[in-house]
N, C-alpha and C. Protein backbone atom coordinates (compact mmCIF):
# COMPACT_ATOMS: atom_id res chain seq x y z
N UNK A 1 9.54 13.09 6.78
CA UNK A 1 9.31 12.88 5.09
C UNK A 1 7.86 13.09 5.06
N UNK A 2 7.30 13.30 3.48
CA UNK A 2 5.91 13.35 3.26
C UNK A 2 5.55 12.01 2.05
N UNK A 3 4.33 11.96 2.08
CA UNK A 3 4.33 10.45 1.90
C UNK A 3 2.82 11.25 0.84
N UNK A 4 2.47 10.89 -0.61
CA UNK A 4 1.34 10.99 -1.40
C UNK A 4 1.01 9.86 -1.98
N UNK A 5 -0.25 9.42 -1.56
CA UNK A 5 -1.03 8.72 -2.50
C UNK A 5 -1.89 8.54 -3.19
N UNK A 6 -2.01 8.12 -4.42
CA UNK A 6 -3.01 8.45 -5.43
C UNK A 6 -3.12 7.21 -6.35
N UNK A 7 -4.07 7.50 -7.28
CA UNK A 7 -4.73 6.17 -7.88
C UNK A 7 -5.34 5.50 -7.76
N UNK A 8 -6.47 5.84 -6.83
CA UNK A 8 -7.83 5.00 -6.13
C UNK A 8 -8.38 5.76 -6.96
N UNK A 9 -10.05 5.00 -6.77
CA UNK A 9 -11.01 5.39 -7.63
C UNK A 9 -12.21 4.23 -7.93
N UNK A 10 -13.10 4.32 -8.33
CA UNK A 10 -14.20 3.42 -8.36
C UNK A 10 -13.91 2.05 -9.59
N UNK A 11 -14.34 0.71 -9.17
CA UNK A 11 -14.14 0.10 -10.42
C UNK A 11 -15.08 -1.46 -10.03
N UNK A 12 -15.44 -2.16 -11.20
CA UNK A 12 -16.21 -2.72 -10.90
C UNK A 12 -15.38 -4.19 -10.65
N UNK A 13 -16.07 -4.91 -9.72
CA UNK A 13 -15.93 -6.32 -9.58
C UNK A 13 -14.57 -7.06 -10.80
N UNK A 14 -13.73 -7.76 -10.12
CA UNK A 14 -12.80 -7.91 -11.51
C UNK A 14 -11.76 -6.94 -12.01
N UNK A 15 -11.83 -5.97 -11.83
CA UNK A 15 -11.21 -5.04 -12.38
C UNK A 15 -9.70 -4.81 -12.02
N UNK A 16 -8.85 -3.92 -12.27
CA UNK A 16 -7.51 -3.74 -11.89
C UNK A 16 -7.69 -2.12 -11.26
N UNK A 17 -6.82 -1.85 -10.50
CA UNK A 17 -6.47 -0.87 -10.14
C UNK A 17 -4.47 -0.44 -9.90
N UNK A 18 -3.91 0.58 -10.04
CA UNK A 18 -2.57 0.79 -9.49
C UNK A 18 -2.98 2.04 -9.23
N UNK A 19 -2.17 1.58 -7.60
CA UNK A 19 -1.86 2.89 -6.56
C UNK A 19 -0.46 2.87 -6.57
N UNK A 20 -0.36 4.59 -6.44
CA UNK A 20 1.22 4.70 -6.06
C UNK A 20 1.13 5.75 -4.93
N UNK A 21 2.79 5.66 -4.38
CA UNK A 21 2.77 6.59 -3.11
C UNK A 21 4.42 7.39 -3.34
N UNK A 22 4.81 8.45 -3.35
CA UNK A 22 5.48 9.32 -3.97
C UNK A 22 6.07 9.90 -2.47
N UNK A 23 7.44 9.50 -2.09
CA UNK A 23 7.73 9.90 -0.96
C UNK A 23 8.91 11.52 -1.17
N UNK A 24 8.62 11.88 -0.48
CA UNK A 24 9.63 13.36 -0.42
C UNK A 24 10.05 14.02 0.95
N UNK A 25 11.36 14.08 0.88
CA UNK A 25 11.68 14.76 1.74
C UNK A 25 13.31 13.77 2.72
N UNK A 26 13.09 12.48 2.12
CA UNK A 26 13.78 11.71 2.25
C UNK A 26 14.32 10.77 1.08
N UNK A 27 15.24 10.21 1.24
CA UNK A 27 15.45 9.20 0.11
C UNK A 27 15.51 7.91 0.79
N UNK A 28 14.48 7.09 0.37
CA UNK A 28 13.59 5.85 0.88
C UNK A 28 14.48 4.46 0.67
N UNK A 29 15.72 4.56 -0.43
CA UNK A 29 16.05 3.33 -0.75
C UNK A 29 16.42 2.43 0.61
N UNK A 30 16.83 2.79 1.63
CA UNK A 30 17.06 1.99 3.06
C UNK A 30 16.19 1.80 3.73
N UNK A 31 14.84 1.99 3.41
CA UNK A 31 13.85 1.80 4.33
C UNK A 31 12.54 0.63 3.76
N UNK A 32 11.99 0.29 4.41
CA UNK A 32 10.66 -0.66 4.12
C UNK A 32 9.59 0.07 3.73
N UNK A 33 8.50 0.25 2.94
CA UNK A 33 7.23 0.39 2.87
C UNK A 33 6.07 -0.41 2.85
N UNK A 34 4.96 0.14 3.25
CA UNK A 34 3.60 -0.60 3.50
C UNK A 34 2.47 -0.41 3.17
N UNK A 35 1.74 -1.13 2.34
CA UNK A 35 0.26 -0.63 1.68
C UNK A 35 -0.29 -1.13 3.25
N UNK A 36 -1.60 0.00 3.76
CA UNK A 36 -2.36 -0.57 4.98
C UNK A 36 -3.91 -0.17 4.31
N UNK A 37 -5.02 -1.02 4.12
CA UNK A 37 -6.82 -0.12 4.25
C UNK A 37 -7.31 -0.64 5.65
N UNK A 38 -8.35 0.68 5.26
CA UNK A 38 -9.11 0.88 6.15
C UNK A 38 -10.56 0.88 5.56
N UNK A 39 -11.66 0.11 6.11
CA UNK A 39 -13.04 -0.19 5.85
C UNK A 39 -13.25 0.47 6.59
N UNK A 40 -14.93 1.40 6.08
CA UNK A 40 -15.61 1.92 7.28
C UNK A 40 -15.82 1.28 8.13
N UNK A 41 -15.92 1.61 9.32
CA UNK A 41 -15.98 0.88 10.80
C UNK A 41 -14.99 -0.50 11.23
N UNK A 42 -13.97 -0.32 10.53
CA UNK A 42 -13.22 -1.49 10.62
C UNK A 42 -11.44 -0.89 11.20
N UNK A 43 -10.40 -1.52 11.74
CA UNK A 43 -9.48 -1.41 11.62
C UNK A 43 -8.34 -1.31 10.43
N UNK A 44 -7.27 -0.37 10.60
CA UNK A 44 -6.58 -0.34 9.18
C UNK A 44 -5.86 -1.68 9.70
N UNK A 45 -5.39 -2.38 8.28
CA UNK A 45 -5.21 -3.81 8.45
C UNK A 45 -4.05 -3.59 7.29
N UNK A 46 -3.42 -4.35 7.26
CA UNK A 46 -1.89 -4.46 6.15
C UNK A 46 -2.41 -5.65 5.06
N UNK A 47 -1.90 -5.04 3.70
CA UNK A 47 -2.53 -5.32 2.74
C UNK A 47 -0.90 -5.89 1.83
N UNK A 48 0.00 -4.99 2.30
CA UNK A 48 1.46 -5.54 1.55
C UNK A 48 2.43 -4.74 2.12
N UNK A 49 3.40 -5.17 1.96
CA UNK A 49 4.85 -4.09 2.22
C UNK A 49 6.04 -4.91 1.02
N UNK A 50 6.87 -3.76 1.37
CA UNK A 50 8.36 -4.45 0.38
C UNK A 50 9.37 -3.66 1.30
N UNK A 51 10.40 -4.74 0.98
CA UNK A 51 11.73 -4.68 1.84
C UNK A 51 12.26 -3.74 1.37
N UNK A 52 13.65 -2.89 1.49
CA UNK A 52 14.53 -2.67 0.96
C UNK A 52 15.64 -3.11 -0.24
N UNK A 53 15.07 -4.37 0.07
CA UNK A 53 15.77 -5.39 -0.86
C UNK A 53 14.64 -5.38 -2.35
N UNK A 54 13.70 -5.25 -2.08
CA UNK A 54 12.91 -5.41 -2.98
C UNK A 54 11.58 -6.64 -2.54
N UNK A 55 12.09 -7.10 -1.64
CA UNK A 55 11.32 -8.23 -1.33
C UNK A 55 9.91 -8.02 -0.92
N UNK A 56 8.87 -8.81 -1.14
CA UNK A 56 7.24 -8.25 -0.87
C UNK A 56 6.85 -9.12 -0.04
N UNK A 57 5.70 -8.77 0.87
CA UNK A 57 5.21 -9.45 1.54
C UNK A 57 3.56 -9.17 1.70
N UNK A 58 2.75 -9.97 1.58
CA UNK A 58 1.50 -9.78 1.53
C UNK A 58 0.50 -10.09 2.36
N UNK A 59 -0.78 -9.54 2.46
CA UNK A 59 -1.86 -10.46 3.57
C UNK A 59 -2.20 -11.40 2.44
N UNK A 60 -2.80 -12.31 3.60
CA UNK A 60 -3.48 -13.80 2.74
C UNK A 60 -4.63 -13.21 1.82
N UNK A 61 -5.41 -12.15 1.91
CA UNK A 61 -6.59 -12.11 1.50
C UNK A 61 -6.13 -11.24 0.13
N UNK A 62 -5.08 -10.94 -0.42
CA UNK A 62 -4.60 -10.36 -1.40
C UNK A 62 -3.47 -10.89 -2.06
N UNK A 63 -2.91 -11.74 -1.51
CA UNK A 63 -1.88 -12.77 -2.04
C UNK A 63 -2.23 -13.45 -3.40
N UNK A 64 -1.42 -13.19 -4.56
CA UNK A 64 -1.71 -13.92 -5.71
C UNK A 64 -2.56 -12.82 -6.51
N UNK A 65 -3.12 -11.48 -5.83
CA UNK A 65 -3.94 -10.79 -6.83
C UNK A 65 -3.08 -9.28 -6.70
N UNK A 66 -2.64 -9.21 -5.62
CA UNK A 66 -2.13 -7.64 -5.58
C UNK A 66 -0.68 -7.69 -5.56
N UNK A 67 0.21 -6.71 -6.18
CA UNK A 67 1.75 -6.87 -6.36
C UNK A 67 2.24 -5.75 -6.03
N UNK A 68 3.64 -5.65 -5.07
CA UNK A 68 3.84 -4.18 -4.68
C UNK A 68 5.28 -4.04 -5.13
N UNK A 69 5.65 -2.90 -5.38
CA UNK A 69 7.34 -2.66 -6.27
C UNK A 69 7.59 -1.35 -5.64
N UNK A 70 8.54 -1.32 -6.02
CA UNK A 70 9.27 -0.01 -5.95
C UNK A 70 10.25 0.66 -6.69
N UNK A 71 10.57 1.88 -6.68
CA UNK A 71 11.45 2.36 -7.77
C UNK A 71 12.37 3.70 -6.73
N UNK A 72 13.31 2.73 -6.26
CA UNK A 72 14.11 3.75 -5.69
C UNK A 72 14.58 5.07 -6.40
N UNK A 73 14.52 5.29 -7.27
CA UNK A 73 15.30 6.41 -7.95
C UNK A 73 14.37 7.18 -8.33
N UNK A 74 13.07 7.18 -8.10
CA UNK A 74 11.67 7.94 -8.33
C UNK A 74 11.08 7.85 -6.75
N UNK A 75 11.60 7.30 -5.85
CA UNK A 75 11.08 7.69 -4.18
C UNK A 75 9.10 7.05 -4.61
N UNK A 76 9.28 6.00 -5.18
CA UNK A 76 8.14 5.59 -5.46
C UNK A 76 7.96 4.10 -5.05
N UNK A 77 6.34 3.74 -4.44
CA UNK A 77 5.83 2.68 -4.27
C UNK A 77 4.94 2.03 -4.79
N UNK A 78 4.36 1.43 -5.86
CA UNK A 78 3.30 1.23 -6.25
C UNK A 78 2.78 -0.25 -6.09
N UNK A 79 1.38 -0.23 -5.95
CA UNK A 79 0.37 -1.40 -5.52
C UNK A 79 -0.80 -1.35 -6.50
N UNK A 80 -0.09 -2.40 -7.53
CA UNK A 80 -0.63 -3.01 -8.84
C UNK A 80 -1.55 -4.31 -8.18
N UNK A 81 -3.49 -3.89 -8.69
CA UNK A 81 -4.28 -4.67 -7.77
C UNK A 81 -5.09 -5.00 -8.82
N UNK A 82 -5.02 -6.38 -8.90
CA UNK A 82 -5.86 -7.13 -10.10
C UNK A 82 -6.97 -8.18 -9.32
N UNK A 83 -8.07 -8.21 -9.97
CA UNK A 83 -9.19 -9.07 -9.84
C UNK A 83 -9.45 -8.57 -8.50
N UNK A 84 -9.74 -7.42 -8.72
CA UNK A 84 -10.49 -6.88 -7.27
C UNK A 84 -12.00 -7.24 -7.02
N UNK A 85 -12.29 -6.95 -5.81
CA UNK A 85 -13.71 -7.59 -5.24
C UNK A 85 -13.92 -6.38 -4.70
N UNK A 86 -15.49 -6.89 -3.94
CA UNK A 86 -15.87 -5.49 -3.43
C UNK A 86 -15.48 -5.64 -1.82
N UNK A 87 -15.22 -6.83 -1.02
CA UNK A 87 -14.58 -6.50 0.00
C UNK A 87 -13.04 -6.22 -0.05
N UNK A 88 -12.45 -5.66 -1.18
CA UNK A 88 -11.15 -4.63 -1.01
C UNK A 88 -11.40 -3.15 -1.16
N UNK A 89 -12.97 -2.97 -0.89
CA UNK A 89 -13.05 -1.51 -1.01
C UNK A 89 -12.75 -0.87 0.47
N UNK A 90 -11.89 0.13 0.16
CA UNK A 90 -11.49 0.76 1.61
C UNK A 90 -10.82 2.14 1.51
N UNK A 91 -10.21 2.88 2.35
CA UNK A 91 -9.19 3.57 2.14
C UNK A 91 -8.07 3.15 2.15
N UNK A 92 -6.75 3.32 1.23
CA UNK A 92 -5.33 2.40 1.19
C UNK A 92 -4.59 3.70 1.66
N UNK A 93 -3.89 3.46 2.39
CA UNK A 93 -2.58 4.05 2.74
C UNK A 93 -1.27 3.51 2.68
N UNK A 94 -0.22 4.36 2.00
CA UNK A 94 1.17 4.10 2.07
C UNK A 94 1.95 4.13 3.40
N UNK A 95 2.81 3.82 3.90
CA UNK A 95 3.70 3.91 5.29
C UNK A 95 4.80 3.95 4.66
N UNK A 96 5.63 4.33 5.74
CA UNK A 96 7.10 3.90 5.76
C UNK A 96 7.88 3.68 6.83
N UNK A 97 8.56 2.58 6.87
CA UNK A 97 9.32 2.24 7.99
C UNK A 97 10.78 2.64 8.20
N UNK A 98 11.18 3.24 9.19
CA UNK A 98 13.05 3.14 9.08
C UNK A 98 13.44 2.47 9.99
N UNK A 99 14.57 1.64 9.07
CA UNK A 99 14.93 0.59 10.24
C UNK A 99 14.33 -0.44 9.94
N UNK A 100 14.04 -1.77 10.34
CA UNK A 100 13.28 -2.77 10.94
C UNK A 100 12.26 -3.23 11.65
N UNK A 101 11.51 -4.02 11.16
CA UNK A 101 10.34 -4.55 12.05
C UNK A 101 9.60 -5.37 11.37
N UNK A 102 8.28 -5.63 11.82
CA UNK A 102 7.58 -6.58 11.80
C UNK A 102 6.61 -5.48 10.42
N UNK A 103 6.63 -6.24 9.37
CA UNK A 103 5.79 -5.77 8.29
C UNK A 103 4.81 -5.32 8.40
N UNK A 104 3.93 -6.37 8.77
CA UNK A 104 2.71 -6.10 9.14
C UNK A 104 1.78 -5.32 10.06
N UNK A 105 2.62 -4.84 11.17
CA UNK A 105 2.30 -4.21 12.29
C UNK A 105 2.34 -3.05 11.48
N UNK A 106 1.06 -2.12 12.41
CA UNK A 106 0.95 -0.71 11.91
C UNK A 106 1.93 0.35 13.05
N UNK A 107 1.87 -0.48 13.98
CA UNK A 107 3.17 0.27 14.95
C UNK A 107 4.66 0.63 14.67
N UNK A 108 5.27 -0.60 13.17
CA UNK A 108 6.14 -0.34 12.95
C UNK A 108 6.57 0.75 11.85
N UNK A 109 5.56 1.31 11.47
CA UNK A 109 5.56 2.20 10.65
C UNK A 109 5.53 3.55 11.07
N UNK A 110 6.24 4.70 10.63
CA UNK A 110 6.96 5.98 11.26
C UNK A 110 5.92 6.93 10.65
N UNK A 111 5.62 6.50 9.38
CA UNK A 111 4.97 8.25 8.87
C UNK A 111 3.86 7.69 7.92
N UNK A 112 3.22 8.23 7.52
CA UNK A 112 1.72 7.59 6.55
C UNK A 112 1.35 9.05 5.52
N UNK A 113 0.77 8.40 4.42
CA UNK A 113 0.13 8.94 3.62
C UNK A 113 -1.27 9.26 4.00
N UNK A 114 -1.89 10.34 3.01
CA UNK A 114 -3.23 10.53 3.71
C UNK A 114 -4.22 9.69 2.90
N UNK A 115 -3.78 8.67 2.38
CA UNK A 115 -4.92 7.76 2.06
C UNK A 115 -5.50 8.05 0.64
N UNK A 116 -6.05 6.87 -0.41
CA UNK A 116 -6.68 7.12 -1.50
C UNK A 116 -8.22 5.87 -1.51
N UNK A 117 -9.25 6.68 -1.81
CA UNK A 117 -10.00 5.01 -1.70
C UNK A 117 -10.08 4.69 -2.99
N UNK A 118 -10.39 3.21 -2.55
CA UNK A 118 -10.59 2.37 -3.71
C UNK A 118 -12.00 1.83 -3.34
N UNK A 119 -13.09 2.06 -4.40
CA UNK A 119 -14.34 1.22 -4.20
C UNK A 119 -14.62 0.55 -5.42
N UNK A 120 -14.87 -1.16 -4.95
CA UNK A 120 -15.15 -1.96 -6.13
C UNK A 120 -16.64 -2.11 -5.88
N UNK A 121 -17.27 -2.31 -6.68
CA UNK A 121 -18.77 -2.36 -7.15
C UNK A 121 -18.93 -3.68 -7.62
N UNK A 122 -19.64 -4.35 -7.23
CA UNK A 122 -20.50 -5.78 -7.24
C UNK A 122 -20.84 -5.97 -8.58
């Protein structure tokens, strides 16, 4: 499967962005999808995940500000990011998890997109 993430950009603090990830080569309705982010010099961290049933899971740092959603007909998963903060600045990656596993663990995901840069200015 190939994952293509897009929608990143430069935004002021308090603003919003919507990231999208398109999966090709596989119908992902039975797979969980996740978003991770990596800031310069830091580890790639869990942001949000959505189960095949559509249940959302979030890191504490983004809960209440970010919303993950999926459209199985279009093979897309979106991440709506509101009230952005400078600490949200990172490269955001989407990933697909075949079968079941811990949603917040990088090792549970099998394929990754190329990443999209999100920069939040203060």
